[in-house]
């Protein structure tokens, strides 16, 4: 199958304020394009700016993975369990149904999110460091997304600067090559059934 490769530069990623006023989310990509979390989405990758303490939105039927990107971190209460994310690239996986309350450990911080509609798609996602001049083979999946947190490189031939992304639709070999020391999110999405 031929790969369909779509560049998603930082400037093309829309930012949306949260309904509760506590932050904003920059949507890197959503599938299908044009979907929303409220209607028939399959997966979404985003970067959130958390500006104040408060609740997260409940998202029934959604599985969430969250990584701290920058800032002093957060203390989360997830369905009565306390979790602290204080180091960059720390990860938390949690379902969208239970209440989640967020408390900033210092000032504002930034996190990266991968969300999937549980009954429609599964995701395998990780954040990795790639040294300058090194590469990383991408997992083979029907849909993949590479988001460069920092550094400079190429994914599936597309040049990426910090916060740029590339979406790859279709199975087949693809890789990320770092031109400078890089931190990169690699996500692979597979439909259920």
Foldseek 3Di string as FASTA:
>chain_A
DDKDKDWQFQVNFDKAADPVRQWIKTWRDWPPPPDDLVPPTFKTKIKIKGAFWFKDQARPQKKKKKFWADDQWKWKQWQNDTDTHGDGQDMDIDHRHTIMTIHHPDGITMMMMMMGRNQWKDKDKGKDKAAAQGKFKADFAQKKKKFWQAAWWDKQRHTDHHGIMMMMGGGDTIMIHGNHTTIMMIMHMYTDD
